[in-house]
Amino acid sequence: MLLYFYTQDYENYGTPEDPYWKPKGGSDYILEADEWTEEMIHKIVGIVNFANPMFESSLIGYQEVCKEFKTDFEQMQLEHDGSIEFPANRMKYDEMQKLFS
């Protein structure tokens, strides 16, 4: 089963004392697992949510998708360029956990 997780990133153009946050895109993760539990989803949320005084990444949401699923950005690349040069992060759940542990 595939789940698509998508984030929103923010960059602080100010200082830690006087922040000026601007949205700066985000990341797409398409993760595969035989089955998903709430505990697994909470672990992924803990990985993709990140914050320091100058940068934040927050989970916007997630949804179940099919194997052929393309993100909006991937679909736009196909329509305009004929190929996907910047694909979403696709991996198995266990690989993501190892990568960020």
PDB file of N, CA and C in Angstrom:
ATOM      1  N   MET A   1       0.837  -1.165   0.000  1.00  0.00           N
ATOM      2  CA  MET A   1       0.000   0.000   0.000  1.00  0.00           C
ATOM      3  C   MET A   1       0.895   1.246   0.000  1.00  0.00           C
ATOM      4  N   LEU A   2       0.550   2.223  -0.835  1.00  0.00           N
ATOM      5  CA  LEU A   2       1.321   3.461  -0.935  1.00  0.00           C
ATOM      6  C   LEU A   2       0.592   4.607  -0.246  1.00  0.00           C
ATOM      7  N   LEU A   3       1.347   5.392   0.516  1.00  0.00           N
ATOM      8  CA  LEU A   3       0.819   6.628   1.086  1.00  0.00           C
ATOM      9  C   LEU A   3       1.661   7.792   0.575  1.00  0.00           C
ATOM     10  N   TYR A   4       0.972   8.856   0.204  1.00  0.00           N
ATOM     11  CA  TYR A   4       1.598  10.080  -0.292  1.00  0.00           C
ATOM     12  C   TYR A   4       1.544  11.123   0.823  1.00  0.00           C
ATOM     13  N   PHE A   5       2.723  11.526   1.311  1.00  0.00           N
ATOM     14  CA  PHE A   5       2.847  12.552   2.343  1.00  0.00           C
ATOM     15  C   PHE A   5       3.362  13.822   1.681  1.00  0.00           C
ATOM     16  N   TYR A   6       2.776  14.976   2.011  1.00  0.00           N
ATOM     17  CA  TYR A   6       3.221  16.226   1.400  1.00  0.00           C
ATOM     18  C   TYR A   6       3.386  17.301   2.467  1.00  0.00           C
ATOM     19  N   THR A   7       4.439  18.102   2.297  1.00  0.00           N
ATOM     20  CA  THR A   7       4.820  19.083   3.301  1.00  0.00           C
ATOM     21  C   THR A   7       4.813  20.501   2.741  1.00  0.00           C
ATOM     22  N   GLN A   8       4.854  21.465   3.636  1.00  0.00           N
ATOM     23  CA  GLN A   8       5.051  22.875   3.302  1.00  0.00           C
ATOM     24  C   GLN A   8       6.285  23.340   4.041  1.00  0.00           C
ATOM     25  N   ASP A   9       7.205  23.973   3.325  1.00  0.00           N
ATOM     26  CA  ASP A   9       8.422  24.499   3.933  1.00  0.00           C
ATOM     27  C   ASP A   9       8.298  26.008   4.097  1.00  0.00           C
ATOM     28  N   TYR A  10       8.945  26.513   5.147  1.00  0.00           N
ATOM     29  CA  TYR A  10       9.002  27.952   5.407  1.00  0.00           C
ATOM     30  C   TYR A  10      10.447  28.323   5.713  1.00  0.00           C
ATOM     31  N   GLU A  11      10.872  29.466   5.185  1.00  0.00           N
ATOM     32  CA  GLU A  11      12.212  29.963   5.453  1.00  0.00           C
ATOM     33  C   GLU A  11      12.092  31.301   6.179  1.00  0.00           C
ATOM     34  N   ASN A  12      12.918  31.483   7.201  1.00  0.00           N
ATOM     35  CA  ASN A  12      12.926  32.722   7.971  1.00  0.00           C
ATOM     36  C   ASN A  12      13.876  33.702   7.299  1.00  0.00           C
ATOM     37  N   TYR A  13      13.337  34.788   6.757  1.00  0.00           N
ATOM     38  CA  TYR A  13      14.152  35.821   6.129  1.00  0.00           C
ATOM     39  C   TYR A  13      14.573  36.888   7.133  1.00  0.00           C
ATOM     40  N   GLY A  14      14.114  36.743   8.363  1.00  0.00           N
ATOM     41  CA  GLY A  14      14.496  37.674   9.418  1.00  0.00           C
ATOM     42  C   GLY A  14      15.602  37.085  10.261  1.00  0.00           C
ATOM     43  N   THR A  15      15.454  37.220  11.545  1.00  0.00           N
ATOM     44  CA  THR A  15      16.414  36.673  12.503  1.00  0.00           C
ATOM     45  C   THR A  15      15.643  35.791  13.476  1.00  0.00           C
ATOM     46  N   PRO A  16      16.336  34.997  14.272  1.00  0.00           N
ATOM     47  CA  PRO A  16      15.615  34.203  15.275  1.00  0.00           C
ATOM     48  C   PRO A  16      14.816  35.088  16.246  1.00  0.00           C
ATOM     49  N   GLU A  17      15.339  36.280  16.540  1.00  0.00           N
ATOM     50  CA  GLU A  17      14.658  37.188  17.460  1.00  0.00           C
ATOM     51  C   GLU A  17      13.504  37.943  16.801  1.00  0.00           C
ATOM     52  N   ASP A  18      13.613  38.213  15.512  1.00  0.00           N
ATOM     53  CA  ASP A  18      12.598  38.968  14.767  1.00  0.00           C
ATOM     54  C   ASP A  18      12.325  38.232  13.448  1.00  0.00           C
ATOM     55  N   PRO A  19      11.588  37.109  13.513  1.00  0.00           N
ATOM     56  CA  PRO A  19      11.404  36.282  12.313  1.00  0.00           C
ATOM     57  C   PRO A  19      10.488  36.913  11.266  1.00  0.00           C
ATOM     58  N   TYR A  20      10.768  36.562  10.011  1.00  0.00           N
ATOM     59  CA  TYR A  20       9.926  36.930   8.879  1.00  0.00           C
ATOM     60  C   TYR A  20       9.825  35.671   8.011  1.00  0.00           C
ATOM     61  N   TRP A  21       8.774  34.880   8.232  1.00  0.00           N
ATOM     62  CA  TRP A  21       8.620  33.573   7.590  1.00  0.00           C
ATOM     63  C   TRP A  21       7.975  33.713   6.220  1.00  0.00           C
ATOM     64  N   LYS A  22       8.541  32.995   5.230  1.00  0.00           N
ATOM     65  CA  LYS A  22       7.971  32.946   3.888  1.00  0.00           C
ATOM     66  C   LYS A  22       7.832  31.483   3.460  1.00  0.00           C
ATOM     67  N   PRO A  23       6.691  31.125   2.843  1.00  0.00           N
ATOM     68  CA  PRO A  23       6.547  29.754   2.325  1.00  0.00           C
ATOM     69  C   PRO A  23       7.507  29.535   1.159  1.00  0.00           C
ATOM     70  N   LYS A  24       8.121  28.351   1.117  1.00  0.00           N
ATOM     71  CA  LYS A  24       9.139  28.039   0.108  1.00  0.00           C
ATOM     72  C   LYS A  24       8.944  26.652  -0.496  1.00  0.00           C
ATOM     73  N   GLY A  25       7.760  26.326  -0.917  1.00  0.00           N
ATOM     74  CA  GLY A  25       7.543  25.012  -1.521  1.00  0.00           C
ATOM     75  C   GLY A  25       7.385  23.947  -0.467  1.00  0.00           C
ATOM     76  N   GLY A  26       7.815  22.751  -0.773  1.00  0.00           N
ATOM     77  CA  GLY A  26       7.677  21.635   0.142  1.00  0.00           C
ATOM     78  C   GLY A  26       8.267  20.379  -0.469  1.00  0.00           C
ATOM     79  N   SER A  27       7.986  19.262   0.159  1.00  0.00           N
ATOM     80  CA  SER A  27       8.501  17.979  -0.313  1.00  0.00           C
ATOM     81  C   SER A  27       7.365  16.980  -0.445  1.00  0.00           C
ATOM     82  N   ASP A  28       7.555  16.037  -1.359  1.00  0.00           N
ATOM     83  CA  ASP A  28       6.597  14.958  -1.584  1.00  0.00           C
ATOM     84  C   ASP A  28       7.292  13.633  -1.285  1.00  0.00           C
ATOM     85  N   TYR A  29       6.629  12.804  -0.481  1.00  0.00           N
ATOM     86  CA  TYR A  29       7.147  11.479  -0.144  1.00  0.00           C
ATOM     87  C   TYR A  29       6.067  10.457  -0.464  1.00  0.00           C
ATOM     88  N   ILE A  30       6.406   9.464  -1.267  1.00  0.00           N
ATOM     89  CA  ILE A  30       5.496   8.361  -1.559  1.00  0.00           C
ATOM     90  C   ILE A  30       6.141   7.115  -0.972  1.00  0.00           C
ATOM     91  N   LEU A  31       5.511   6.615   0.091  1.00  0.00           N
ATOM     92  CA  LEU A  31       6.099   5.523   0.861  1.00  0.00           C
ATOM     93  C   LEU A  31       5.267   4.264   0.743  1.00  0.00           C
ATOM     94  N   GLU A  32       5.966   3.145   0.697  1.00  0.00           N
ATOM     95  CA  GLU A  32       5.311   1.842   0.530  1.00  0.00           C
ATOM     96  C   GLU A  32       5.488   0.998   1.783  1.00  0.00           C
ATOM     97  N   ALA A  33       4.413   0.350   2.179  1.00  0.00           N
ATOM     98  CA  ALA A  33       4.443  -0.621   3.278  1.00  0.00           C
ATOM     99  C   ALA A  33       3.379  -1.671   2.989  1.00  0.00           C
ATOM    100  N   ASP A  34       3.583  -2.879   3.508  1.00  0.00           N
ATOM    101  CA  ASP A  34       2.579  -3.931   3.320  1.00  0.00           C
ATOM    102  C   ASP A  34       1.243  -3.498   3.918  1.00  0.00           C
ATOM    103  N   GLU A  35       1.314  -2.887   5.098  1.00  0.00           N
ATOM    104  CA  GLU A  35       0.136  -2.286   5.718  1.00  0.00           C
ATOM    105  C   GLU A  35       0.614  -1.150   6.605  1.00  0.00           C
ATOM    106  N   TRP A  36      -0.257  -0.186   6.864  1.00  0.00           N
ATOM    107  CA  TRP A  36       0.099   0.984   7.655  1.00  0.00           C
ATOM    108  C   TRP A  36      -0.616   0.954   8.994  1.00  0.00           C
ATOM    109  N   THR A  37       0.105   1.337  10.043  1.00  0.00           N
ATOM    110  CA  THR A  37      -0.490   1.478  11.364  1.00  0.00           C
ATOM    111  C   THR A  37      -0.397   2.956  11.757  1.00  0.00           C
ATOM    112  N   GLU A  38      -1.172   3.345  12.745  1.00  0.00           N
ATOM    113  CA  GLU A  38      -1.104   4.722  13.244  1.00  0.00           C
ATOM    114  C   GLU A  38       0.297   5.036  13.765  1.00  0.00           C
ATOM    115  N   GLU A  39       0.939   4.046  14.395  1.00  0.00           N
ATOM    116  CA  GLU A  39       2.294   4.246  14.911  1.00  0.00           C
ATOM    117  C   GLU A  39       3.271   4.553  13.773  1.00  0.00           C
ATOM    118  N   MET A  40       3.156   3.847  12.669  1.00  0.00           N
ATOM    119  CA  MET A  40       4.030   4.092  11.521  1.00  0.00           C
ATOM    120  C   MET A  40       3.809   5.500  10.970  1.00  0.00           C
ATOM    121  N   ILE A  41       2.561   5.900  10.860  1.00  0.00           N
ATOM    122  CA  ILE A  41       2.247   7.232  10.338  1.00  0.00           C
ATOM    123  C   ILE A  41       2.800   8.299  11.272  1.00  0.00           C
ATOM    124  N   HIS A  42       2.673   8.111  12.568  1.00  0.00           N
ATOM    125  CA  HIS A  42       3.210   9.081  13.528  1.00  0.00           C
ATOM    126  C   HIS A  42       4.733   9.180  13.419  1.00  0.00           C
ATOM    127  N   LYS A  43       5.404   8.069  13.133  1.00  0.00           N
ATOM    128  CA  LYS A  43       6.859   8.106  12.951  1.00  0.00           C
ATOM    129  C   LYS A  43       7.228   8.932  11.722  1.00  0.00           C
ATOM    130  N   ILE A  44       6.486   8.767  10.637  1.00  0.00           N
ATOM    131  CA  ILE A  44       6.750   9.546   9.426  1.00  0.00           C
ATOM    132  C   ILE A  44       6.501  11.029   9.697  1.00  0.00           C
ATOM    133  N   VAL A  45       5.417  11.343  10.390  1.00  0.00           N
ATOM    134  CA  VAL A  45       5.134  12.738  10.736  1.00  0.00           C
ATOM    135  C   VAL A  45       6.301  13.320  11.539  1.00  0.00           C
ATOM    136  N   GLY A  46       6.842  12.547  12.470  1.00  0.00           N
ATOM    137  CA  GLY A  46       7.989  12.995  13.251  1.00  0.00           C
ATOM    138  C   GLY A  46       9.235  13.219  12.415  1.00  0.00           C
ATOM    139  N   ILE A  47       9.355  12.487  11.327  1.00  0.00           N
ATOM    140  CA  ILE A  47      10.507  12.647  10.434  1.00  0.00           C
ATOM    141  C   ILE A  47      10.346  13.880   9.557  1.00  0.00           C
ATOM    142  N   VAL A  48       9.184  14.072   8.942  1.00  0.00           N
ATOM    143  CA  VAL A  48       9.026  15.168   7.977  1.00  0.00           C
ATOM    144  C   VAL A  48       8.783  16.518   8.643  1.00  0.00           C
ATOM    145  N   ASN A  49       8.245  16.538   9.871  1.00  0.00           N
ATOM    146  CA  ASN A  49       8.104  17.800  10.598  1.00  0.00           C
ATOM    147  C   ASN A  49       9.452  18.158  11.192  1.00  0.00           C
ATOM    148  N   PHE A  50       9.954  19.316  10.827  1.00  0.00           N
ATOM    149  CA  PHE A  50      11.273  19.751  11.258  1.00  0.00           C
ATOM    150  C   PHE A  50      11.231  21.256  11.477  1.00  0.00           C
ATOM    151  N   ALA A  51      11.918  21.733  12.500  1.00  0.00           N
ATOM    152  CA  ALA A  51      11.954  23.171  12.734  1.00  0.00           C
ATOM    153  C   ALA A  51      13.244  23.575  13.427  1.00  0.00           C
ATOM    154  N   ASN A  52      13.790  24.693  12.983  1.00  0.00           N
ATOM    155  CA  ASN A  52      14.855  25.378  13.703  1.00  0.00           C
ATOM    156  C   ASN A  52      14.566  26.878  13.552  1.00  0.00           C
ATOM    157  N   PRO A  53      15.360  27.757  14.112  1.00  0.00           N
ATOM    158  CA  PRO A  53      15.019  29.178  14.043  1.00  0.00           C
ATOM    159  C   PRO A  53      14.958  29.775  12.635  1.00  0.00           C
ATOM    160  N   MET A  54      15.524  29.096  11.644  1.00  0.00           N
ATOM    161  CA  MET A  54      15.575  29.665  10.305  1.00  0.00           C
ATOM    162  C   MET A  54      14.803  28.874   9.245  1.00  0.00           C
ATOM    163  N   PHE A  55      14.325  27.664   9.575  1.00  0.00           N
ATOM    164  CA  PHE A  55      13.645  26.825   8.588  1.00  0.00           C
ATOM    165  C   PHE A  55      12.634  25.927   9.278  1.00  0.00           C
ATOM    166  N   GLU A  56      11.495  25.719   8.629  1.00  0.00           N
ATOM    167  CA  GLU A  56      10.486  24.785   9.127  1.00  0.00           C
ATOM    168  C   GLU A  56       9.930  23.973   7.967  1.00  0.00           C
ATOM    169  N   SER A  57       9.627  22.728   8.236  1.00  0.00           N
ATOM    170  CA  SER A  57       8.912  21.867   7.298  1.00  0.00           C
ATOM    171  C   SER A  57       7.783  21.206   8.082  1.00  0.00           C
ATOM    172  N   SER A  58       6.558  21.331   7.565  1.00  0.00           N
ATOM    173  CA  SER A  58       5.390  20.808   8.269  1.00  0.00           C
ATOM    174  C   SER A  58       4.557  19.939   7.343  1.00  0.00           C
ATOM    175  N   LEU A  59       4.097  18.816   7.868  1.00  0.00           N
ATOM    176  CA  LEU A  59       3.216  17.947   7.101  1.00  0.00           C
ATOM    177  C   LEU A  59       1.888  18.653   6.862  1.00  0.00           C
ATOM    178  N   ILE A  60       1.467  18.712   5.603  1.00  0.00           N
ATOM    179  CA  ILE A  60       0.159  19.265   5.266  1.00  0.00           C
ATOM    180  C   ILE A  60      -0.880  18.155   5.342  1.00  0.00           C
ATOM    181  N   GLY A  61      -0.521  16.974   4.813  1.00  0.00           N
ATOM    182  CA  GLY A  61      -1.459  15.868   4.827  1.00  0.00           C
ATOM    183  C   GLY A  61      -0.874  14.632   4.175  1.00  0.00           C
ATOM    184  N   TYR A  62      -1.692  13.596   4.117  1.00  0.00           N
ATOM    185  CA  TYR A  62      -1.288  12.364   3.446  1.00  0.00           C
ATOM    186  C   TYR A  62      -2.537  11.668   2.945  1.00  0.00           C
ATOM    187  N   GLN A  63      -2.338  10.807   1.939  1.00  0.00           N
ATOM    188  CA  GLN A  63      -3.453  10.063   1.364  1.00  0.00           C
ATOM    189  C   GLN A  63      -2.938   8.786   0.719  1.00  0.00           C
ATOM    190  N   GLU A  64      -3.814   7.812   0.619  1.00  0.00           N
ATOM    191  CA  GLU A  64      -3.476   6.572  -0.067  1.00  0.00           C
ATOM    192  C   GLU A  64      -3.526   6.825  -1.571  1.00  0.00           C
ATOM    193  N   VAL A  65      -2.537   6.285  -2.301  1.00  0.00           N
ATOM    194  CA  VAL A  65      -2.475   6.463  -3.753  1.00  0.00           C
ATOM    195  C   VAL A  65      -2.150   5.131  -4.421  1.00  0.00           C
ATOM    196  N   CYS A  66      -2.374   5.081  -5.727  1.00  0.00           N
ATOM    197  CA  CYS A  66      -2.059   3.873  -6.500  1.00  0.00           C
ATOM    198  C   CYS A  66      -0.614   3.933  -6.987  1.00  0.00           C
ATOM    199  N   LYS A  67      -0.123   2.811  -7.472  1.00  0.00           N
ATOM    200  CA  LYS A  67       1.264   2.690  -7.926  1.00  0.00           C
ATOM    201  C   LYS A  67       1.593   3.672  -9.051  1.00  0.00           C
ATOM    202  N   GLU A  68       0.626   3.991  -9.903  1.00  0.00           N
ATOM    203  CA  GLU A  68       0.851   4.876 -11.047  1.00  0.00           C
ATOM    204  C   GLU A  68       0.717   6.356 -10.696  1.00  0.00           C
ATOM    205  N   PHE A  69       0.442   6.673  -9.447  1.00  0.00           N
ATOM    206  CA  PHE A  69       0.196   8.053  -9.020  1.00  0.00           C
ATOM    207  C   PHE A  69       1.361   8.970  -9.352  1.00  0.00           C
ATOM    208  N   LYS A  70       1.033  10.168  -9.817  1.00  0.00           N
ATOM    209  CA  LYS A  70       2.014  11.224 -10.064  1.00  0.00           C
ATOM    210  C   LYS A  70       1.582  12.447  -9.250  1.00  0.00           C
ATOM    211  N   THR A  71       2.545  13.092  -8.593  1.00  0.00           N
ATOM    212  CA  THR A  71       2.239  14.328  -7.876  1.00  0.00           C
ATOM    213  C   THR A  71       1.900  15.409  -8.893  1.00  0.00           C
ATOM    214  N   ASP A  72       1.340  16.506  -8.423  1.00  0.00           N
ATOM    215  CA  ASP A  72       1.048  17.621  -9.326  1.00  0.00           C
ATOM    216  C   ASP A  72       2.322  18.106 -10.011  1.00  0.00           C
ATOM    217  N   PHE A  73       3.419  18.187  -9.273  1.00  0.00           N
ATOM    218  CA  PHE A  73       4.683  18.645  -9.836  1.00  0.00           C
ATOM    219  C   PHE A  73       5.209  17.661 -10.888  1.00  0.00           C
ATOM    220  N   GLU A  74       5.107  16.365 -10.625  1.00  0.00           N
ATOM    221  CA  GLU A  74       5.534  15.364 -11.610  1.00  0.00           C
ATOM    222  C   GLU A  74       4.674  15.458 -12.865  1.00  0.00           C
ATOM    223  N   GLN A  75       3.359  15.604 -12.693  1.00  0.00           N
ATOM    224  CA  GLN A  75       2.448  15.706 -13.835  1.00  0.00           C
ATOM    225  C   GLN A  75       2.764  16.953 -14.662  1.00  0.00           C
ATOM    226  N   MET A  76       3.044  18.071 -13.994  1.00  0.00           N
ATOM    227  CA  MET A  76       3.385  19.305 -14.696  1.00  0.00           C
ATOM    228  C   MET A  76       4.667  19.131 -15.512  1.00  0.00           C
ATOM    229  N   GLN A  77       5.663  18.447 -14.950  1.00  0.00           N
ATOM    230  CA  GLN A  77       6.907  18.204 -15.682  1.00  0.00           C
ATOM    231  C   GLN A  77       6.649  17.371 -16.937  1.00  0.00           C
ATOM    232  N   LEU A  78       5.818  16.337 -16.797  1.00  0.00           N
ATOM    233  CA  LEU A  78       5.482  15.502 -17.959  1.00  0.00           C
ATOM    234  C   LEU A  78       4.803  16.313 -19.043  1.00  0.00           C
ATOM    235  N   GLU A  79       3.844  17.147 -18.655  1.00  0.00           N
ATOM    236  CA  GLU A  79       3.100  17.942 -19.632  1.00  0.00           C
ATOM    237  C   GLU A  79       3.974  18.980 -20.326  1.00  0.00           C
ATOM    238  N   HIS A  80       4.868  19.615 -19.580  1.00  0.00           N
ATOM    239  CA  HIS A  80       5.678  20.700 -20.142  1.00  0.00           C
ATOM    240  C   HIS A  80       7.004  20.235 -20.741  1.00  0.00           C
ATOM    241  N   ASP A  81       7.627  19.219 -20.136  1.00  0.00           N
ATOM    242  CA  ASP A  81       8.960  18.802 -20.552  1.00  0.00           C
ATOM    243  C   ASP A  81       9.003  17.418 -21.187  1.00  0.00           C
ATOM    244  N   GLY A  82       7.941  16.652 -21.030  1.00  0.00           N
ATOM    245  CA  GLY A  82       7.905  15.305 -21.586  1.00  0.00           C
ATOM    246  C   GLY A  82       8.578  14.255 -20.718  1.00  0.00           C
ATOM    247  N   SER A  83       9.162  14.675 -19.597  1.00  0.00           N
ATOM    248  CA  SER A  83       9.803  13.727 -18.680  1.00  0.00           C
ATOM    249  C   SER A  83       9.800  14.320 -17.275  1.00  0.00           C
ATOM    250  N   ILE A  84      10.077  13.456 -16.308  1.00  0.00           N
ATOM    251  CA  ILE A  84      10.128  13.883 -14.910  1.00  0.00           C
ATOM    252  C   ILE A  84      11.585  13.940 -14.485  1.00  0.00           C
ATOM    253  N   GLU A  85      12.109  15.149 -14.353  1.00  0.00           N
ATOM    254  CA  GLU A  85      13.496  15.311 -13.937  1.00  0.00           C
ATOM    255  C   GLU A  85      13.634  15.387 -12.415  1.00  0.00           C
ATOM    256  N   PHE A  86      12.574  15.837 -11.740  1.00  0.00           N
ATOM    257  CA  PHE A  86      12.590  15.987 -10.292  1.00  0.00           C
ATOM    258  C   PHE A  86      11.440  15.185  -9.686  1.00  0.00           C
ATOM    259  N   PRO A  87      11.639  13.864  -9.521  1.00  0.00           N
ATOM    260  CA  PRO A  87      10.560  13.012  -9.004  1.00  0.00           C
ATOM    261  C   PRO A  87      10.368  13.190  -7.496  1.00  0.00           C
ATOM    262  N   ALA A  88       9.211  12.775  -7.022  1.00  0.00           N
ATOM    263  CA  ALA A  88       8.946  12.726  -5.588  1.00  0.00           C
ATOM    264  C   ALA A  88       9.872  11.695  -4.955  1.00  0.00           C
ATOM    265  N   ASN A  89      10.088  11.824  -3.669  1.00  0.00           N
ATOM    266  CA  ASN A  89      10.876  10.842  -2.925  1.00  0.00           C
ATOM    267  C   ASN A  89      10.035   9.578  -2.782  1.00  0.00           C
ATOM    268  N   ARG A  90      10.443   8.490  -3.422  1.00  0.00           N
ATOM    269  CA  ARG A  90       9.710   7.222  -3.377  1.00  0.00           C
ATOM    270  C   ARG A  90      10.603   6.175  -2.727  1.00  0.00           C
ATOM    271  N   MET A  91      10.080   5.554  -1.676  1.00  0.00           N
ATOM    272  CA  MET A  91      10.853   4.506  -1.005  1.00  0.00           C
ATOM    273  C   MET A  91       9.938   3.684  -0.118  1.00  0.00           C
ATOM    274  N   LYS A  92      10.489   2.583   0.345  1.00  0.00           N
ATOM    275  CA  LYS A  92       9.769   1.743   1.296  1.00  0.00           C
ATOM    276  C   LYS A  92       9.845   2.394   2.676  1.00  0.00           C
ATOM    277  N   TYR A  93       8.843   2.146   3.481  1.00  0.00           N
ATOM    278  CA  TYR A  93       8.775   2.712   4.834  1.00  0.00           C
ATOM    279  C   TYR A  93      10.058   2.432   5.611  1.00  0.00           C
ATOM    280  N   ASP A  94      10.546   1.178   5.570  1.00  0.00           N
ATOM    281  CA  ASP A  94      11.752   0.808   6.312  1.00  0.00           C
ATOM    282  C   ASP A  94      12.971   1.605   5.855  1.00  0.00           C
ATOM    283  N   GLU A  95      13.069   1.898   4.549  1.00  0.00           N
ATOM    284  CA  GLU A  95      14.191   2.679   4.034  1.00  0.00           C
ATOM    285  C   GLU A  95      14.160   4.100   4.589  1.00  0.00           C
ATOM    286  N   MET A  96      12.973   4.676   4.664  1.00  0.00           N
ATOM    287  CA  MET A  96      12.854   6.047   5.186  1.00  0.00           C
ATOM    288  C   MET A  96      13.257   6.082   6.658  1.00  0.00           C
ATOM    289  N   GLN A  97      12.821   5.096   7.409  1.00  0.00           N
ATOM    290  CA  GLN A  97      13.181   5.049   8.834  1.00  0.00           C
ATOM    291  C   GLN A  97      14.696   4.946   9.014  1.00  0.00           C
ATOM    292  N   LYS A  98      15.349   4.079   8.216  1.00  0.00           N
ATOM    293  CA  LYS A  98      16.807   3.929   8.323  1.00  0.00           C
ATOM    294  C   LYS A  98      17.512   5.208   7.915  1.00  0.00           C
ATOM    295  N   LEU A  99      17.010   5.868   6.894  1.00  0.00           N
ATOM    296  CA  LEU A  99      17.618   7.075   6.390  1.00  0.00           C
ATOM    297  C   LEU A  99      17.639   8.182   7.447  1.00  0.00           C
ATOM    298  N   PHE A 100      16.580   8.260   8.251  1.00  0.00           N
ATOM    299  CA  PHE A 100      16.441   9.348   9.211  1.00  0.00           C
ATOM    300  C   PHE A 100      16.639   8.923  10.664  1.00  0.00           C
ATOM    301  N   SER A 101      17.174   7.738  10.891  1.00  0.00           N
ATOM    302  CA  SER A 101      17.380   7.331  12.294  1.00  0.00           C
ATOM    303  C   SER A 101      18.821   7.498  12.712  1.00  0.00           C
TER     304      SER A 101
END
